[in-house]
N, C-alpha and C. Protein backbone atom coordinates (compact mmCIF):
# COMPACT_ATOMS: atom_id res chain seq x y z
N UNK A 1 -81.21 132.95 -17.64
CA UNK A 1 -80.07 133.50 -16.95
C UNK A 1 -80.36 134.94 -16.55
N UNK A 2 -79.76 135.35 -15.45
CA UNK A 2 -79.88 136.72 -14.98
C UNK A 2 -78.60 137.46 -15.34
N UNK A 3 -78.75 138.62 -15.94
CA UNK A 3 -77.63 139.45 -16.37
C UNK A 3 -77.76 140.81 -15.70
N UNK A 4 -76.67 141.24 -15.11
CA UNK A 4 -76.65 142.56 -14.47
C UNK A 4 -75.37 143.27 -14.89
N UNK A 5 -75.53 144.51 -15.34
CA UNK A 5 -74.38 145.32 -15.75
C UNK A 5 -74.39 146.61 -14.94
N UNK A 6 -73.22 147.02 -14.48
CA UNK A 6 -73.13 148.29 -13.78
C UNK A 6 -71.76 148.92 -14.02
N UNK A 7 -71.76 150.23 -13.99
CA UNK A 7 -70.53 150.98 -14.20
C UNK A 7 -69.83 151.20 -12.87
N UNK A 8 -68.52 151.00 -12.87
CA UNK A 8 -67.69 151.24 -11.70
C UNK A 8 -66.55 152.16 -12.14
N UNK A 9 -65.79 152.70 -11.21
CA UNK A 9 -64.64 153.52 -11.60
C UNK A 9 -63.63 152.76 -12.48
N UNK A 10 -63.62 151.43 -12.36
CA UNK A 10 -62.69 150.61 -13.14
C UNK A 10 -63.28 150.15 -14.47
N UNK A 11 -64.55 150.45 -14.74
CA UNK A 11 -65.19 150.04 -15.98
C UNK A 11 -66.47 149.27 -15.71
N UNK A 12 -66.94 148.60 -16.74
CA UNK A 12 -68.21 147.87 -16.65
C UNK A 12 -68.03 146.54 -15.94
N UNK A 13 -68.83 146.32 -14.90
CA UNK A 13 -68.85 145.07 -14.14
C UNK A 13 -70.12 144.33 -14.53
N UNK A 14 -69.97 143.09 -14.98
CA UNK A 14 -71.10 142.27 -15.39
C UNK A 14 -71.16 141.04 -14.50
N UNK A 15 -72.37 140.73 -14.04
CA UNK A 15 -72.58 139.49 -13.30
C UNK A 15 -73.68 138.71 -14.01
N UNK A 16 -73.44 137.41 -14.16
CA UNK A 16 -74.39 136.53 -14.84
C UNK A 16 -74.52 135.27 -13.99
N UNK A 17 -75.76 134.81 -13.83
CA UNK A 17 -75.96 133.54 -13.14
C UNK A 17 -77.18 132.83 -13.70
N UNK A 18 -77.17 131.52 -13.58
CA UNK A 18 -78.38 130.75 -13.85
C UNK A 18 -79.39 131.17 -12.80
N UNK A 19 -80.64 131.36 -13.20
CA UNK A 19 -81.67 131.85 -12.27
C UNK A 19 -81.80 130.96 -11.05
N UNK A 20 -81.65 129.65 -11.21
CA UNK A 20 -81.82 128.75 -10.06
C UNK A 20 -80.63 128.79 -9.09
N UNK A 21 -79.57 129.49 -9.44
CA UNK A 21 -78.43 129.64 -8.53
C UNK A 21 -78.60 130.80 -7.57
N UNK A 22 -79.47 131.75 -7.90
CA UNK A 22 -79.63 132.94 -7.09
C UNK A 22 -80.04 132.58 -5.66
N UNK A 23 -79.31 133.12 -4.70
CA UNK A 23 -79.58 132.86 -3.29
C UNK A 23 -78.90 131.63 -2.73
N UNK A 24 -78.19 130.89 -3.56
CA UNK A 24 -77.53 129.66 -3.13
C UNK A 24 -76.09 129.94 -2.69
N UNK A 25 -75.57 129.07 -1.85
CA UNK A 25 -74.15 129.09 -1.47
C UNK A 25 -73.57 127.73 -1.81
N UNK A 26 -72.42 127.75 -2.48
CA UNK A 26 -71.76 126.53 -2.93
C UNK A 26 -70.38 126.44 -2.28
N UNK A 27 -69.89 125.23 -2.15
CA UNK A 27 -68.61 124.97 -1.50
C UNK A 27 -67.83 123.97 -2.35
N UNK A 28 -66.51 124.14 -2.42
CA UNK A 28 -65.70 123.15 -3.13
C UNK A 28 -64.62 122.54 -2.22
N UNK A 29 -64.78 122.72 -0.91
CA UNK A 29 -63.81 122.18 0.03
C UNK A 29 -62.68 123.14 0.34
N UNK A 30 -62.44 124.10 -0.55
CA UNK A 30 -61.40 125.10 -0.35
C UNK A 30 -61.99 126.49 -0.16
N UNK A 31 -63.07 126.75 -0.88
CA UNK A 31 -63.69 128.07 -0.84
C UNK A 31 -65.21 127.92 -0.96
N UNK A 32 -65.91 128.98 -0.58
CA UNK A 32 -67.36 129.01 -0.78
C UNK A 32 -67.70 130.12 -1.75
N UNK A 33 -68.83 129.97 -2.40
CA UNK A 33 -69.32 130.94 -3.37
C UNK A 33 -70.79 131.20 -3.07
N UNK A 34 -71.12 132.44 -2.74
CA UNK A 34 -72.50 132.81 -2.47
C UNK A 34 -73.02 133.64 -3.64
N UNK A 35 -74.12 133.19 -4.21
CA UNK A 35 -74.74 133.88 -5.35
C UNK A 35 -75.83 134.78 -4.77
N UNK A 36 -75.42 135.94 -4.32
CA UNK A 36 -76.32 136.83 -3.58
C UNK A 36 -77.23 137.64 -4.51
N UNK A 37 -78.42 137.90 -3.99
CA UNK A 37 -79.37 138.78 -4.68
C UNK A 37 -78.74 140.16 -4.86
N UNK A 38 -78.01 140.61 -3.86
CA UNK A 38 -77.40 141.93 -3.89
C UNK A 38 -76.42 142.09 -5.06
N UNK A 39 -75.66 141.05 -5.38
CA UNK A 39 -74.65 141.15 -6.44
C UNK A 39 -75.18 140.70 -7.80
N UNK A 40 -75.90 139.60 -7.84
CA UNK A 40 -76.34 139.01 -9.11
C UNK A 40 -77.77 139.39 -9.50
N UNK A 41 -78.57 139.80 -8.54
CA UNK A 41 -79.97 140.10 -8.81
C UNK A 41 -80.27 141.57 -8.69
N UNK A 42 -81.37 141.86 -8.03
CA UNK A 42 -81.77 143.24 -7.83
C UNK A 42 -82.53 143.81 -9.01
N UNK A 43 -82.96 145.05 -8.87
CA UNK A 43 -83.79 145.66 -9.91
C UNK A 43 -83.08 145.87 -11.24
N UNK A 44 -81.74 145.89 -11.23
CA UNK A 44 -80.99 146.10 -12.47
C UNK A 44 -80.76 144.80 -13.24
N UNK A 45 -81.04 143.67 -12.64
CA UNK A 45 -80.82 142.38 -13.32
C UNK A 45 -81.99 142.09 -14.25
N UNK A 46 -81.67 141.53 -15.41
CA UNK A 46 -82.69 141.17 -16.39
C UNK A 46 -82.52 139.71 -16.78
N UNK A 47 -83.63 139.07 -17.11
CA UNK A 47 -83.54 137.73 -17.67
C UNK A 47 -83.01 137.88 -19.08
N UNK A 48 -82.02 137.07 -19.42
CA UNK A 48 -81.33 137.26 -20.69
C UNK A 48 -81.14 135.95 -21.43
N UNK A 49 -81.28 136.02 -22.73
CA UNK A 49 -80.99 134.91 -23.62
C UNK A 49 -79.48 134.82 -23.82
N UNK A 50 -78.99 133.69 -24.32
CA UNK A 50 -77.55 133.54 -24.51
C UNK A 50 -76.90 134.67 -25.31
N UNK A 51 -77.55 135.15 -26.35
CA UNK A 51 -76.96 136.21 -27.16
C UNK A 51 -76.76 137.49 -26.35
N UNK A 52 -77.72 137.83 -25.50
CA UNK A 52 -77.60 139.02 -24.66
C UNK A 52 -76.51 138.85 -23.61
N UNK A 53 -76.36 137.64 -23.09
CA UNK A 53 -75.29 137.37 -22.13
C UNK A 53 -73.93 137.57 -22.80
N UNK A 54 -73.75 137.03 -23.99
CA UNK A 54 -72.48 137.18 -24.71
C UNK A 54 -72.21 138.66 -24.98
N UNK A 55 -73.21 139.41 -25.42
CA UNK A 55 -73.04 140.84 -25.66
C UNK A 55 -72.61 141.57 -24.39
N UNK A 56 -73.26 141.24 -23.27
CA UNK A 56 -72.90 141.86 -22.00
C UNK A 56 -71.48 141.53 -21.58
N UNK A 57 -71.08 140.28 -21.74
CA UNK A 57 -69.72 139.88 -21.37
C UNK A 57 -68.69 140.56 -22.25
N UNK A 58 -69.02 140.79 -23.49
CA UNK A 58 -68.08 141.49 -24.39
C UNK A 58 -67.92 142.96 -24.01
N UNK A 59 -68.91 143.54 -23.38
CA UNK A 59 -68.83 144.94 -22.93
C UNK A 59 -68.10 145.07 -21.59
N UNK A 60 -67.96 143.98 -20.87
CA UNK A 60 -67.43 144.01 -19.50
C UNK A 60 -65.91 144.20 -19.47
N UNK A 61 -65.46 144.90 -18.44
CA UNK A 61 -64.04 144.88 -18.11
C UNK A 61 -63.80 143.73 -17.13
N UNK A 62 -64.80 143.48 -16.27
CA UNK A 62 -64.74 142.39 -15.29
C UNK A 62 -66.10 141.72 -15.27
N UNK A 63 -66.11 140.38 -15.18
CA UNK A 63 -67.38 139.66 -15.09
C UNK A 63 -67.24 138.47 -14.15
N UNK A 64 -68.34 138.19 -13.46
CA UNK A 64 -68.47 137.00 -12.62
C UNK A 64 -69.62 136.19 -13.18
N UNK A 65 -69.38 134.90 -13.40
CA UNK A 65 -70.34 134.04 -14.07
C UNK A 65 -70.54 132.78 -13.24
N UNK A 66 -71.81 132.46 -12.91
CA UNK A 66 -72.11 131.29 -12.09
C UNK A 66 -73.23 130.48 -12.72
N UNK A 67 -73.04 129.17 -12.72
CA UNK A 67 -74.08 128.26 -13.19
C UNK A 67 -73.64 127.52 -14.45
N UNK A 68 -74.16 126.33 -14.59
CA UNK A 68 -73.79 125.48 -15.71
C UNK A 68 -74.13 126.13 -17.05
N UNK A 69 -75.34 126.68 -17.17
CA UNK A 69 -75.73 127.31 -18.43
C UNK A 69 -74.93 128.57 -18.70
N UNK A 70 -74.84 129.46 -17.72
CA UNK A 70 -74.16 130.74 -17.91
C UNK A 70 -72.69 130.55 -18.27
N UNK A 71 -72.00 129.69 -17.54
CA UNK A 71 -70.59 129.44 -17.84
C UNK A 71 -70.47 128.76 -19.20
N UNK A 72 -71.38 127.84 -19.52
CA UNK A 72 -71.35 127.18 -20.82
C UNK A 72 -71.48 128.17 -21.97
N UNK A 73 -72.33 129.17 -21.81
CA UNK A 73 -72.49 130.20 -22.84
C UNK A 73 -71.18 130.95 -23.04
N UNK A 74 -70.53 131.33 -21.94
CA UNK A 74 -69.26 132.05 -22.02
C UNK A 74 -68.16 131.20 -22.66
N UNK A 75 -68.12 129.93 -22.31
CA UNK A 75 -67.12 129.03 -22.90
C UNK A 75 -67.40 128.83 -24.39
N UNK A 76 -68.65 128.56 -24.74
CA UNK A 76 -69.01 128.35 -26.15
C UNK A 76 -68.71 129.56 -27.01
N UNK A 77 -68.82 130.76 -26.44
CA UNK A 77 -68.55 131.99 -27.18
C UNK A 77 -67.06 132.29 -27.27
N UNK A 78 -66.23 131.48 -26.60
CA UNK A 78 -64.79 131.69 -26.63
C UNK A 78 -64.32 132.79 -25.69
N UNK A 79 -65.17 133.19 -24.74
CA UNK A 79 -64.81 134.25 -23.81
C UNK A 79 -64.14 133.74 -22.55
N UNK A 80 -64.36 132.48 -22.22
CA UNK A 80 -63.78 131.85 -21.04
C UNK A 80 -63.16 130.53 -21.47
N UNK A 81 -61.95 130.28 -21.02
CA UNK A 81 -61.26 129.02 -21.30
C UNK A 81 -61.80 127.95 -20.35
N UNK A 82 -62.18 126.83 -20.88
CA UNK A 82 -62.72 125.72 -20.08
C UNK A 82 -61.80 125.36 -18.91
N UNK A 83 -60.50 125.47 -19.11
CA UNK A 83 -59.54 125.11 -18.06
C UNK A 83 -59.56 126.09 -16.89
N UNK A 84 -60.15 127.27 -17.09
CA UNK A 84 -60.21 128.28 -16.02
C UNK A 84 -61.49 128.19 -15.20
N UNK A 85 -62.37 127.28 -15.55
CA UNK A 85 -63.66 127.14 -14.86
C UNK A 85 -63.49 126.35 -13.57
N UNK A 86 -64.08 126.86 -12.50
CA UNK A 86 -64.04 126.19 -11.20
C UNK A 86 -65.36 125.47 -10.94
N UNK A 87 -65.31 124.42 -10.14
CA UNK A 87 -66.51 123.68 -9.74
C UNK A 87 -66.79 123.93 -8.27
N UNK A 88 -68.04 124.21 -7.95
CA UNK A 88 -68.51 124.39 -6.57
C UNK A 88 -69.78 123.58 -6.40
N UNK A 89 -69.72 122.50 -5.67
CA UNK A 89 -70.91 121.69 -5.39
C UNK A 89 -71.73 121.38 -6.65
N UNK A 90 -71.06 121.06 -7.73
CA UNK A 90 -71.77 120.69 -8.95
C UNK A 90 -72.18 121.84 -9.84
N UNK A 91 -71.93 123.07 -9.42
CA UNK A 91 -72.17 124.19 -10.33
C UNK A 91 -70.83 124.77 -10.75
N UNK A 92 -70.87 125.60 -11.76
CA UNK A 92 -69.63 126.11 -12.34
C UNK A 92 -69.51 127.61 -12.08
N UNK A 93 -68.27 128.08 -11.99
CA UNK A 93 -67.99 129.50 -11.76
C UNK A 93 -66.78 129.90 -12.59
N UNK A 94 -66.88 131.09 -13.18
CA UNK A 94 -65.75 131.63 -13.92
C UNK A 94 -65.72 133.14 -13.73
N UNK A 95 -64.53 133.68 -13.84
CA UNK A 95 -64.36 135.12 -13.82
C UNK A 95 -63.70 135.53 -15.12
N UNK A 96 -64.03 136.72 -15.56
CA UNK A 96 -63.51 137.24 -16.82
C UNK A 96 -62.92 138.61 -16.54
N UNK A 97 -61.73 138.85 -17.04
CA UNK A 97 -61.07 140.14 -16.87
C UNK A 97 -60.41 140.50 -18.18
N UNK A 98 -60.83 141.62 -18.74
CA UNK A 98 -60.21 142.10 -19.97
C UNK A 98 -59.15 143.12 -19.58
N UNK A 99 -57.95 142.93 -20.06
CA UNK A 99 -56.85 143.87 -19.78
C UNK A 99 -56.56 144.73 -20.99
């Protein structure tokens, strides 16, 4: 999985995706989801094990998560409710917002 963390005026923004999702665009008939190098990759992104992904998500104020493995890690850690997960062309997407 690719993990990227960056500071914004609103707090820490974390993006996580399965490596094979990078550069792909998915559609669910209502919306499209593009997993861009600019947002999910780049020089600040690191390959991360599940434990590092969970740690990053716990530090985030906002997170975007794409891919079966990445979303599964977030769900298994209790950070994302399975009912909030969206499907796009067979891959999964979730957003996390800590208030």
